[in-house]
N, C-alpha and C. Protein backbone atom coordinates (compact mmCIF):
# COMPACT_ATOMS: atom_id res chain seq x y z
N UNK A 1 142.25 131.44 97.58
CA UNK A 1 141.85 131.54 96.10
C UNK A 1 143.28 131.30 95.49
N UNK A 2 144.62 131.43 95.94
CA UNK A 2 145.65 131.18 95.29
C UNK A 2 145.92 129.78 94.97
N UNK A 3 145.91 128.90 96.54
CA UNK A 3 145.94 127.48 96.38
C UNK A 3 145.01 126.89 95.21
N UNK A 4 143.80 127.48 95.16
CA UNK A 4 142.82 126.82 94.26
C UNK A 4 143.41 127.10 92.58
N UNK A 5 143.91 128.27 92.56
CA UNK A 5 144.51 128.60 91.33
C UNK A 5 145.76 127.61 90.93
N UNK A 6 146.57 127.50 91.91
CA UNK A 6 147.74 126.65 91.92
C UNK A 6 147.43 125.19 91.48
N UNK A 7 146.29 124.70 91.97
CA UNK A 7 145.86 123.45 91.64
C UNK A 7 145.07 123.34 90.24
N UNK A 8 144.60 124.47 89.74
CA UNK A 8 143.97 124.62 88.58
C UNK A 8 144.45 125.61 87.60
N UNK A 9 145.77 125.69 87.27
CA UNK A 9 146.40 126.65 86.52
C UNK A 9 145.83 126.99 85.17
N UNK A 10 145.19 126.05 84.52
CA UNK A 10 144.64 126.20 83.31
C UNK A 10 142.99 126.71 83.27
N UNK A 11 142.63 126.81 84.41
CA UNK A 11 141.21 127.22 84.64
C UNK A 11 141.06 128.91 84.56
N UNK A 12 140.77 129.37 83.46
CA UNK A 12 140.90 130.83 83.18
C UNK A 12 139.88 131.65 84.09
N UNK A 13 138.64 130.89 84.38
CA UNK A 13 137.84 131.54 85.38
C UNK A 13 138.50 131.81 86.61
N UNK A 14 139.04 130.72 87.26
CA UNK A 14 139.77 130.93 88.46
C UNK A 14 140.87 132.04 88.40
N UNK A 15 141.65 131.79 87.29
CA UNK A 15 142.60 132.96 87.12
C UNK A 15 142.18 134.24 86.94
N UNK A 16 141.08 134.53 86.24
CA UNK A 16 140.53 135.79 86.26
C UNK A 16 140.08 136.20 87.45
N UNK A 17 139.40 135.58 88.36
CA UNK A 17 138.99 135.99 89.65
C UNK A 17 140.20 136.45 90.59
N UNK A 18 141.37 135.50 90.47
CA UNK A 18 142.50 135.99 91.17
C UNK A 18 143.11 137.23 90.69
N UNK A 19 143.32 137.38 89.44
CA UNK A 19 143.88 138.78 88.76
C UNK A 19 142.91 139.88 89.34
N UNK A 20 141.66 139.92 89.43
CA UNK A 20 140.95 140.92 89.75
C UNK A 20 141.03 141.51 91.36
N UNK A 21 141.27 140.23 92.02
CA UNK A 21 141.59 140.19 93.56
C UNK A 21 143.08 140.92 93.83
N UNK A 22 143.87 140.54 92.93
CA UNK A 22 145.23 141.18 92.91
C UNK A 22 145.12 142.83 92.57
N UNK A 23 144.41 143.12 91.60
CA UNK A 23 144.13 144.56 91.03
C UNK A 23 143.33 145.25 92.06
N UNK A 24 142.60 144.55 92.82
CA UNK A 24 141.80 145.51 93.83
C UNK A 24 142.63 145.57 95.06
N UNK A 25 143.60 144.99 95.24
CA UNK A 25 144.62 145.18 96.28
C UNK A 25 145.81 145.81 95.83
N UNK A 26 145.82 146.61 94.70
CA UNK A 26 146.97 147.31 94.24
C UNK A 26 148.19 146.55 93.68
N UNK A 27 147.87 145.25 93.39
CA UNK A 27 148.91 144.38 92.87
C UNK A 27 148.58 144.14 91.39
N UNK A 28 148.92 145.27 90.63
CA UNK A 28 148.74 145.22 89.31
C UNK A 28 149.54 144.41 88.44
N UNK A 29 150.82 144.41 88.73
CA UNK A 29 151.82 143.47 87.92
C UNK A 29 151.35 142.04 88.18
N UNK A 30 151.06 141.68 89.52
CA UNK A 30 150.73 140.24 89.71
C UNK A 30 149.34 139.91 88.87
N UNK A 31 148.56 140.80 88.88
CA UNK A 31 147.21 140.54 88.11
C UNK A 31 147.52 140.19 86.62
N UNK A 32 148.38 141.15 86.09
CA UNK A 32 148.73 141.11 84.74
C UNK A 32 149.42 139.56 84.51
N UNK A 33 150.32 139.34 85.54
CA UNK A 33 151.25 138.07 85.30
C UNK A 33 150.14 136.75 85.07
N UNK A 34 149.01 136.74 85.78
CA UNK A 34 148.25 135.63 85.96
C UNK A 34 147.93 135.35 84.47
N UNK A 35 147.64 136.28 83.70
CA UNK A 35 147.11 136.21 82.28
C UNK A 35 148.15 135.64 81.23
N UNK A 36 149.42 135.76 81.57
CA UNK A 36 150.53 135.69 80.68
C UNK A 36 150.31 134.09 80.00
N UNK A 37 150.14 133.00 80.68
CA UNK A 37 150.01 131.68 80.41
C UNK A 37 148.79 131.58 79.19
N UNK A 38 147.77 132.33 79.51
CA UNK A 38 146.79 132.19 78.50
C UNK A 38 146.93 133.08 77.34
N UNK A 39 147.65 134.20 77.34
CA UNK A 39 147.90 135.18 76.31
C UNK A 39 148.96 134.37 75.63
N UNK A 40 149.85 133.51 75.96
CA UNK A 40 150.59 132.89 75.05
C UNK A 40 150.43 131.42 74.61
N UNK A 41 148.99 131.17 74.89
CA UNK A 41 148.50 129.80 74.65
C UNK A 41 148.58 129.37 73.18
N UNK A 42 148.69 128.33 72.70
CA UNK A 42 148.75 127.82 71.13
C UNK A 42 147.23 127.87 70.88
N UNK A 43 146.28 127.89 71.64
CA UNK A 43 144.92 127.93 71.20
C UNK A 43 144.41 129.34 71.00
N UNK A 44 144.03 129.79 69.86
CA UNK A 44 143.61 131.28 69.48
C UNK A 44 142.48 131.46 70.33
N UNK A 45 141.55 130.70 70.55
CA UNK A 45 140.29 131.01 71.22
C UNK A 45 140.67 131.43 72.75
N UNK A 46 141.78 130.77 73.37
CA UNK A 46 142.11 131.02 74.67
C UNK A 46 142.82 132.34 74.70
N UNK A 47 143.49 132.63 73.57
CA UNK A 47 144.21 133.77 73.66
C UNK A 47 143.31 135.18 73.60
N UNK A 48 142.22 134.86 72.64
CA UNK A 48 141.41 135.80 72.37
C UNK A 48 140.39 136.12 73.71
N UNK A 49 140.02 135.02 74.28
CA UNK A 49 139.28 135.13 75.73
C UNK A 49 140.29 135.89 76.88
N UNK A 50 141.41 135.58 76.74
CA UNK A 50 142.28 136.17 77.78
C UNK A 50 142.53 137.47 77.50
N UNK A 51 142.58 137.87 76.13
CA UNK A 51 142.73 139.31 75.84
C UNK A 51 141.64 140.26 76.24
N UNK A 52 140.47 139.67 75.94
CA UNK A 52 139.17 140.45 76.55
C UNK A 52 139.19 140.49 78.06
N UNK A 53 139.65 139.44 78.72
CA UNK A 53 139.63 139.65 80.13
C UNK A 53 140.74 140.55 80.62
N UNK A 54 141.62 140.76 80.01
CA UNK A 54 142.96 141.82 80.44
C UNK A 54 142.29 143.16 80.05
N UNK A 55 141.61 143.33 79.04
CA UNK A 55 140.82 144.55 78.58
C UNK A 55 139.83 145.02 79.82
N UNK A 56 138.96 143.90 80.42
CA UNK A 56 138.25 144.31 81.28
C UNK A 56 138.82 144.67 82.48
N UNK A 57 140.11 144.04 82.79
CA UNK A 57 140.92 144.23 83.96
C UNK A 57 141.26 145.80 84.01
N UNK A 58 141.89 146.10 82.93
CA UNK A 58 142.22 147.56 82.63
C UNK A 58 140.99 148.51 82.98
N UNK A 59 139.85 148.08 82.39
CA UNK A 59 138.76 148.96 82.43
C UNK A 59 138.23 149.04 83.93
N UNK A 60 138.25 148.02 84.63
CA UNK A 60 138.02 148.04 86.25
C UNK A 60 138.90 148.84 86.81
N UNK A 61 140.30 149.09 86.37
CA UNK A 61 141.26 149.84 87.06
C UNK A 61 141.10 151.44 86.55
N UNK A 62 140.11 151.63 85.75
CA UNK A 62 140.01 152.98 85.15
C UNK A 62 141.08 153.35 84.27
N UNK A 63 141.85 152.28 83.70
CA UNK A 63 142.88 152.66 82.64
C UNK A 63 142.35 152.54 81.22
N UNK A 64 141.46 153.40 80.77
CA UNK A 64 140.69 153.33 79.80
C UNK A 64 141.40 153.34 78.52
N UNK A 65 142.68 154.02 78.41
CA UNK A 65 143.41 153.96 77.05
C UNK A 65 143.78 152.57 76.86
N UNK A 66 144.36 151.97 78.03
CA UNK A 66 145.00 150.76 78.00
C UNK A 66 143.88 149.67 77.65
N UNK A 67 142.64 149.85 78.16
CA UNK A 67 141.56 148.86 77.86
C UNK A 67 141.27 149.07 76.52
N UNK A 68 141.13 150.24 75.96
CA UNK A 68 140.69 150.30 74.65
C UNK A 68 141.69 149.80 73.63
N UNK A 69 142.99 149.98 73.92
CA UNK A 69 144.12 149.31 73.00
C UNK A 69 144.00 147.66 73.16
N UNK A 70 143.70 147.15 74.37
CA UNK A 70 143.67 145.82 74.43
C UNK A 70 142.43 145.31 73.74
N UNK A 71 141.20 145.97 73.81
CA UNK A 71 140.16 145.48 73.23
C UNK A 71 140.46 145.46 71.70
N UNK A 72 141.17 146.50 71.03
CA UNK A 72 141.43 146.53 69.70
C UNK A 72 142.38 145.30 69.41
N UNK A 73 143.21 145.01 70.12
CA UNK A 73 144.08 143.73 69.96
C UNK A 73 143.01 142.57 69.92
N UNK A 74 142.04 142.52 70.75
CA UNK A 74 141.06 141.24 70.70
C UNK A 74 140.32 141.32 69.38
N UNK A 75 139.96 142.57 68.90
CA UNK A 75 139.34 142.57 67.88
C UNK A 75 140.02 142.10 66.58
N UNK A 76 141.33 142.36 66.56
CA UNK A 76 142.20 141.89 65.67
C UNK A 76 142.47 140.56 65.51
N UNK A 77 142.28 139.79 66.58
CA UNK A 77 142.35 138.26 66.56
C UNK A 77 141.03 137.66 66.68
N UNK A 78 139.96 138.42 66.58
CA UNK A 78 138.56 137.79 66.77
C UNK A 78 138.43 136.59 65.85
N UNK A 79 137.67 135.63 66.53
CA UNK A 79 137.23 134.44 65.52
C UNK A 79 136.21 134.90 64.67
N UNK A 80 136.09 134.10 63.60
CA UNK A 80 135.07 134.65 62.59
C UNK A 80 133.58 134.31 63.10
N UNK A 81 132.83 135.42 63.01
CA UNK A 81 131.51 135.48 63.42
C UNK A 81 131.26 136.04 64.79
N UNK A 82 132.37 136.39 65.28
CA UNK A 82 132.19 136.96 66.74
C UNK A 82 132.50 138.35 66.59
N UNK A 83 131.75 139.15 67.64
CA UNK A 83 131.87 140.48 67.69
C UNK A 83 132.09 141.18 69.21
N UNK A 84 132.52 140.14 69.96
CA UNK A 84 132.69 140.39 71.44
C UNK A 84 133.74 141.34 71.67
N UNK A 85 134.67 141.46 70.69
CA UNK A 85 135.81 142.67 71.05
C UNK A 85 135.03 144.05 70.80
N UNK A 86 134.36 144.16 69.72
CA UNK A 86 133.77 145.33 69.36
C UNK A 86 132.62 145.57 70.53
N UNK A 87 132.05 144.73 70.86
CA UNK A 87 130.89 144.97 71.80
C UNK A 87 131.56 145.44 73.24
N UNK A 88 132.67 144.98 73.69
CA UNK A 88 133.34 145.33 75.08
C UNK A 88 133.84 146.81 74.80
N UNK A 89 134.33 147.05 73.63
CA UNK A 89 134.79 148.55 73.40
C UNK A 89 133.82 149.40 73.19
N UNK A 90 132.52 149.15 72.67
CA UNK A 90 131.63 150.17 72.51
C UNK A 90 130.97 150.12 73.75
N UNK A 91 130.85 149.16 74.65
CA UNK A 91 130.16 149.33 75.93
C UNK A 91 131.03 150.16 76.58
N UNK A 92 132.39 150.17 76.72
CA UNK A 92 133.16 150.80 77.36
C UNK A 92 133.05 152.38 77.07
N UNK A 93 132.94 152.69 75.80
CA UNK A 93 132.77 153.98 75.28
C UNK A 93 131.40 154.49 75.82
N UNK A 94 130.49 153.74 75.86
CA UNK A 94 129.11 154.20 76.25
C UNK A 94 129.21 154.43 77.84
N UNK A 95 129.76 153.62 78.65
CA UNK A 95 129.93 153.68 79.88
C UNK A 95 130.60 154.93 80.36
N UNK A 96 131.51 155.36 79.56
CA UNK A 96 132.37 156.62 79.64
C UNK A 96 131.77 157.98 78.88
N UNK A 97 130.64 157.72 78.65
CA UNK A 97 129.89 158.89 78.01
C UNK A 97 130.42 159.42 76.86
N UNK A 98 131.09 158.56 75.97
CA UNK A 98 131.70 158.97 74.69
C UNK A 98 130.91 158.48 73.57
N UNK A 99 129.78 159.08 73.48
CA UNK A 99 128.56 158.49 72.65
C UNK A 99 128.97 158.63 71.31
N UNK A 100 129.74 159.36 70.78
CA UNK A 100 130.04 159.27 69.14
C UNK A 100 130.77 158.20 68.98
N UNK A 101 131.92 157.78 69.61
CA UNK A 101 132.61 156.38 69.39
C UNK A 101 131.80 155.29 69.60
N UNK A 102 131.05 155.28 70.66
CA UNK A 102 130.03 154.29 70.86
C UNK A 102 129.09 153.89 69.77
N UNK A 103 128.51 155.18 69.43
CA UNK A 103 127.39 155.01 68.46
C UNK A 103 128.14 154.38 67.00
N UNK A 104 129.14 155.05 66.71
CA UNK A 104 129.91 154.39 65.37
C UNK A 104 130.24 152.83 65.55
N UNK A 105 130.62 152.57 66.76
CA UNK A 105 131.04 151.29 66.93
C UNK A 105 129.75 150.18 66.94
N UNK A 106 128.72 150.73 67.72
CA UNK A 106 127.58 149.70 67.70
C UNK A 106 126.93 149.72 66.21
N UNK A 107 126.99 150.95 65.37
CA UNK A 107 126.41 150.90 64.00
C UNK A 107 127.24 149.85 63.33
N UNK A 108 128.56 149.75 63.40
CA UNK A 108 129.33 148.84 62.75
C UNK A 108 129.09 147.38 63.03
N UNK A 109 128.93 147.11 64.20
CA UNK A 109 128.34 145.79 64.61
C UNK A 109 127.09 145.37 63.98
N UNK A 110 126.04 146.36 64.06
CA UNK A 110 124.84 146.21 63.58
C UNK A 110 124.88 145.94 62.08
N UNK A 111 125.43 146.76 61.37
CA UNK A 111 125.60 146.70 59.95
C UNK A 111 126.24 145.32 59.55
N UNK A 112 127.19 144.84 60.09
CA UNK A 112 127.80 143.54 59.83
C UNK A 112 126.92 142.36 60.22
N UNK A 113 125.99 142.36 60.96
CA UNK A 113 125.26 141.13 61.49
C UNK A 113 124.37 140.72 60.27
N UNK A 114 124.34 139.51 60.21
CA UNK A 114 123.31 138.77 59.38
C UNK A 114 122.01 138.80 59.94
N UNK A 115 122.01 138.40 61.24
CA UNK A 115 120.69 138.32 61.99
C UNK A 115 120.87 139.66 63.08
N UNK A 116 119.91 140.65 62.76
CA UNK A 116 120.15 141.88 63.45
C UNK A 116 119.68 141.60 64.86
N UNK A 117 120.65 142.07 65.75
CA UNK A 117 120.56 141.98 67.17
C UNK A 117 119.96 143.31 67.69
N UNK A 118 118.59 143.07 68.32
CA UNK A 118 117.94 144.19 68.74
C UNK A 118 118.38 144.90 69.82
N UNK A 119 119.42 144.08 70.57
CA UNK A 119 120.02 144.79 71.83
C UNK A 119 121.06 145.90 71.23
N UNK A 120 121.74 145.47 70.17
CA UNK A 120 122.61 146.56 69.58
C UNK A 120 121.83 147.71 69.03
N UNK A 121 120.76 147.46 68.36
CA UNK A 121 120.00 148.41 67.80
C UNK A 121 119.43 149.50 68.89
N UNK A 122 119.05 148.81 69.97
CA UNK A 122 118.57 149.79 71.12
C UNK A 122 119.71 150.60 71.53
N UNK A 123 120.83 150.03 71.69
CA UNK A 123 121.96 150.87 72.13
C UNK A 123 122.27 152.04 71.10
N UNK A 124 122.25 151.67 69.78
CA UNK A 124 122.26 152.88 68.83
C UNK A 124 121.33 154.00 69.22
N UNK A 125 120.08 153.54 69.38
CA UNK A 125 118.97 154.40 69.68
C UNK A 125 119.48 155.25 71.05
N UNK A 126 119.93 154.61 71.84
CA UNK A 126 120.16 155.43 73.20
C UNK A 126 121.43 156.36 73.03
N UNK A 127 122.36 155.76 72.17
CA UNK A 127 123.50 156.78 71.92
C UNK A 127 122.89 158.00 71.08
N UNK A 128 121.99 157.67 70.22
CA UNK A 128 121.60 158.97 69.45
C UNK A 128 120.90 159.86 70.43
N UNK A 129 120.04 159.37 71.13
CA UNK A 129 119.17 160.08 72.17
C UNK A 129 120.11 161.09 72.91
N UNK A 130 121.24 160.35 73.58
CA UNK A 130 121.99 161.00 74.61
C UNK A 130 122.96 162.05 73.69
N UNK A 131 122.92 161.93 72.36
CA UNK A 131 123.70 163.02 71.64
C UNK A 131 122.82 163.98 71.12
N UNK A 132 121.61 163.84 71.52
CA UNK A 132 120.60 164.81 70.90
C UNK A 132 120.29 164.70 69.44
N UNK A 133 120.65 163.52 68.85
CA UNK A 133 120.29 163.22 67.47
C UNK A 133 118.92 162.73 67.45
N UNK A 134 117.81 163.42 67.61
CA UNK A 134 116.45 162.87 67.87
C UNK A 134 115.82 162.34 66.63
N UNK A 135 116.13 163.02 65.48
CA UNK A 135 115.51 162.58 64.13
C UNK A 135 116.21 161.13 63.77
N UNK A 136 117.45 161.14 64.03
CA UNK A 136 118.06 159.61 63.88
C UNK A 136 117.61 158.74 64.77
N UNK A 137 117.28 159.06 65.99
CA UNK A 137 116.98 158.11 66.96
C UNK A 137 115.32 157.71 66.54
N UNK A 138 114.75 158.58 66.07
CA UNK A 138 113.26 158.27 65.51
C UNK A 138 113.32 157.33 64.50
N UNK A 139 114.20 157.45 63.60
CA UNK A 139 114.39 156.41 62.65
C UNK A 139 114.82 154.98 62.90
N UNK A 140 115.69 155.05 64.00
CA UNK A 140 116.04 153.74 64.34
C UNK A 140 115.17 153.08 65.15
N UNK A 141 114.35 154.00 66.10
CA UNK A 141 113.32 153.31 66.85
C UNK A 141 112.23 152.57 65.86
N UNK A 142 111.96 153.30 64.66
CA UNK A 142 110.77 152.69 63.83
C UNK A 142 111.46 151.24 63.32
N UNK A 143 112.80 151.16 63.32
CA UNK A 143 113.25 149.84 62.90
C UNK A 143 113.20 148.99 64.15
N UNK A 144 113.45 149.42 65.41
CA UNK A 144 113.07 148.64 66.74
C UNK A 144 111.74 148.05 66.54
N UNK A 145 110.67 148.95 66.36
CA UNK A 145 109.12 148.42 66.35
C UNK A 145 108.92 147.60 65.10
N UNK A 146 109.58 147.90 64.09
CA UNK A 146 109.39 146.94 63.02
C UNK A 146 109.84 145.53 63.36
N UNK A 147 110.95 145.50 63.83
CA UNK A 147 111.53 144.18 64.32
C UNK A 147 110.83 143.58 65.47
N UNK A 148 110.27 144.30 66.40
CA UNK A 148 109.45 143.92 67.54
C UNK A 148 108.56 144.82 67.99
N UNK A 149 107.24 144.71 67.07
CA UNK A 149 106.22 145.76 67.75
C UNK A 149 105.88 145.62 69.11
N UNK A 150 105.80 146.99 69.70
CA UNK A 150 105.46 147.22 71.04
C UNK A 150 106.61 146.96 72.10
N UNK A 151 107.66 146.86 71.46
CA UNK A 151 109.02 146.58 72.15
C UNK A 151 109.10 147.51 73.35
N UNK A 152 109.04 146.82 74.69
CA UNK A 152 109.22 147.53 75.94
C UNK A 152 110.35 148.52 76.05
N UNK A 153 111.46 148.06 75.84
CA UNK A 153 112.57 148.88 75.84
C UNK A 153 112.61 149.88 74.97
N UNK A 154 112.14 149.59 73.75
CA UNK A 154 111.95 150.71 72.63
C UNK A 154 111.05 151.81 73.12
N UNK A 155 109.86 151.56 73.85
CA UNK A 155 109.06 152.46 74.25
C UNK A 155 109.58 153.31 75.46
N UNK A 156 110.33 152.64 76.18
CA UNK A 156 111.11 153.38 77.42
C UNK A 156 111.88 154.45 76.62
N UNK A 157 112.70 153.95 75.52
CA UNK A 157 113.73 154.90 74.90
C UNK A 157 112.88 156.03 74.13
N UNK A 158 111.75 155.87 73.73
CA UNK A 158 110.94 156.78 73.03
C UNK A 158 110.57 157.74 73.94
N UNK A 159 110.14 157.11 75.30
CA UNK A 159 109.76 158.25 76.29
C UNK A 159 110.98 159.06 76.86
N UNK A 160 112.08 158.42 76.88
CA UNK A 160 113.29 159.06 77.24
C UNK A 160 113.63 160.17 76.36
N UNK A 161 113.39 159.89 75.09
CA UNK A 161 113.54 160.77 73.94
C UNK A 161 112.68 162.07 74.14
N UNK A 162 111.39 161.76 74.33
CA UNK A 162 110.58 162.85 74.48
C UNK A 162 110.91 163.69 75.70
N UNK A 163 111.35 163.10 76.74
CA UNK A 163 111.75 163.81 78.03
C UNK A 163 112.90 164.86 77.64
N UNK A 164 114.04 164.23 76.88
CA UNK A 164 115.24 164.98 76.72
C UNK A 164 114.85 166.28 75.60
N UNK A 165 113.68 166.02 74.92
CA UNK A 165 113.23 167.12 74.00
C UNK A 165 112.16 168.03 74.73
N UNK A 166 111.83 167.79 75.93
CA UNK A 166 110.90 168.75 76.89
C UNK A 166 109.58 168.44 76.47
N UNK A 167 109.25 167.24 76.40
CA UNK A 167 107.93 166.83 76.02
C UNK A 167 107.45 165.74 77.07
N UNK A 168 107.25 166.12 78.39
CA UNK A 168 107.07 165.24 79.40
C UNK A 168 105.65 164.59 79.08
N UNK A 169 104.62 165.34 78.50
CA UNK A 169 103.26 164.65 78.37
C UNK A 169 103.32 163.59 77.33
N UNK A 170 104.14 163.60 76.32
CA UNK A 170 104.21 162.65 75.37
C UNK A 170 105.14 161.33 76.14
N UNK A 171 105.98 161.78 76.77
CA UNK A 171 106.87 160.75 77.45
C UNK A 171 106.13 159.89 78.24
N UNK A 172 105.12 160.57 78.88
CA UNK A 172 104.25 159.94 80.06
C UNK A 172 103.32 158.88 79.24
N UNK A 173 102.97 159.14 78.03
CA UNK A 173 102.11 158.20 77.44
C UNK A 173 102.91 157.06 76.97
N UNK A 174 104.28 157.17 76.51
CA UNK A 174 105.16 156.10 76.16
C UNK A 174 105.28 155.10 77.56
N UNK A 175 105.75 155.79 78.67
CA UNK A 175 105.88 155.04 79.72
C UNK A 175 104.51 154.39 80.24
N UNK A 176 103.50 154.85 80.23
CA UNK A 176 102.20 154.23 80.50
C UNK A 176 101.90 153.07 79.83
N UNK A 177 102.17 153.16 78.31
CA UNK A 177 102.10 152.12 77.49
C UNK A 177 102.75 150.87 77.89
N UNK A 178 104.00 151.12 78.45
CA UNK A 178 104.70 149.89 78.85
C UNK A 178 104.20 149.45 80.18
N UNK A 179 104.11 150.21 81.08
CA UNK A 179 103.28 149.88 82.51
C UNK A 179 101.89 149.33 82.45
N UNK A 180 101.22 149.65 81.35
CA UNK A 180 99.95 149.05 81.21
C UNK A 180 99.98 147.48 81.03
N UNK A 181 101.12 147.09 80.40
CA UNK A 181 101.32 145.60 80.06
C UNK A 181 102.39 145.07 81.03
N UNK A 182 103.32 145.89 81.66
CA UNK A 182 104.33 145.33 82.58
C UNK A 182 104.27 146.42 83.73
N UNK A 183 103.44 146.32 84.67
CA UNK A 183 103.60 147.38 85.69
C UNK A 183 104.95 147.30 86.75
N UNK A 184 105.90 146.29 86.37
CA UNK A 184 107.04 146.14 87.19
C UNK A 184 108.30 146.62 86.22
N UNK A 185 108.00 147.26 85.22
CA UNK A 185 109.15 147.65 84.41
C UNK A 185 109.84 148.99 85.23
N UNK A 186 111.01 148.54 85.65
CA UNK A 186 111.61 149.55 86.55
C UNK A 186 112.07 150.84 85.74
N UNK A 187 112.55 150.69 84.77
CA UNK A 187 113.05 151.78 83.84
C UNK A 187 111.78 152.89 83.59
N UNK A 188 110.69 152.25 83.14
CA UNK A 188 109.43 152.89 82.84
C UNK A 188 108.96 153.65 84.23
N UNK A 189 108.91 153.04 85.28
CA UNK A 189 108.52 153.55 86.59
C UNK A 189 109.46 154.73 86.87
N UNK A 190 110.74 154.57 86.77
CA UNK A 190 111.66 155.68 87.17
C UNK A 190 111.37 156.82 86.27
N UNK A 191 111.28 156.60 84.89
CA UNK A 191 111.24 157.86 84.12
C UNK A 191 109.76 158.30 83.97
N UNK A 192 108.77 157.60 84.37
CA UNK A 192 107.51 158.06 84.39
C UNK A 192 107.31 159.06 85.74
N UNK A 193 107.90 158.61 86.85
CA UNK A 193 108.12 159.52 87.98
C UNK A 193 108.78 160.79 87.58
N UNK A 194 109.81 160.76 86.77
CA UNK A 194 110.46 161.98 86.55
C UNK A 194 109.56 162.84 85.57
N UNK A 195 108.69 162.31 84.73
CA UNK A 195 107.96 163.08 83.73
C UNK A 195 106.61 163.68 84.62
N UNK A 196 106.32 162.91 85.49
CA UNK A 196 105.26 163.43 86.36
C UNK A 196 105.75 164.75 87.15
N UNK A 197 106.93 164.58 87.63
CA UNK A 197 107.51 165.65 88.45
C UNK A 197 107.60 166.92 87.55
N UNK A 198 108.17 166.54 86.22
CA UNK A 198 108.42 167.72 85.26
C UNK A 198 107.16 168.43 85.02
N UNK A 199 105.95 167.59 84.87
CA UNK A 199 104.62 168.22 84.46
C UNK A 199 103.90 169.04 85.81
N UNK A 200 104.40 168.95 86.93
CA UNK A 200 103.90 169.65 88.03
C UNK A 200 104.23 171.13 87.87
């Protein structure tokens, strides 16, 4: 991989792969050095891309404070119309079970959007459910179903909410409504099995 990078030093994809290889072999300084040429680029889009990748590197090394700081740096240099920095930071919070910060950031992303992204809205719903904010989740789900009636992922989240509230029979109805149309929906299959187990 190193010879390929040496032949293509401006290929950030190759550089990123090599950096992660270094980090996986405990060569953190070597990994970070790989990004320096891109972080110092005159091209703002290259600097932004490299900053996101450094954040991902820190996250992969479980250095969450540094990852959050780096994603914030990316947000501060974000091109107009982009929300990739916010999304990476929100996803990091979500993956680390920091639902309060994740929800706030997903909501900021959603509120700023001209064309509302249902993927972000679903994440808002899930953070609300995982935080036991069931009334808020119901309101957000109503927006999901208004935007996309019969939304499969929304119905799975609805069932998940019922499960969290101790209503497995209602949850089962939600999961069955998904599986009637798509019998291969893995999330619905997983949670339906759990709902059935709870009802026994």
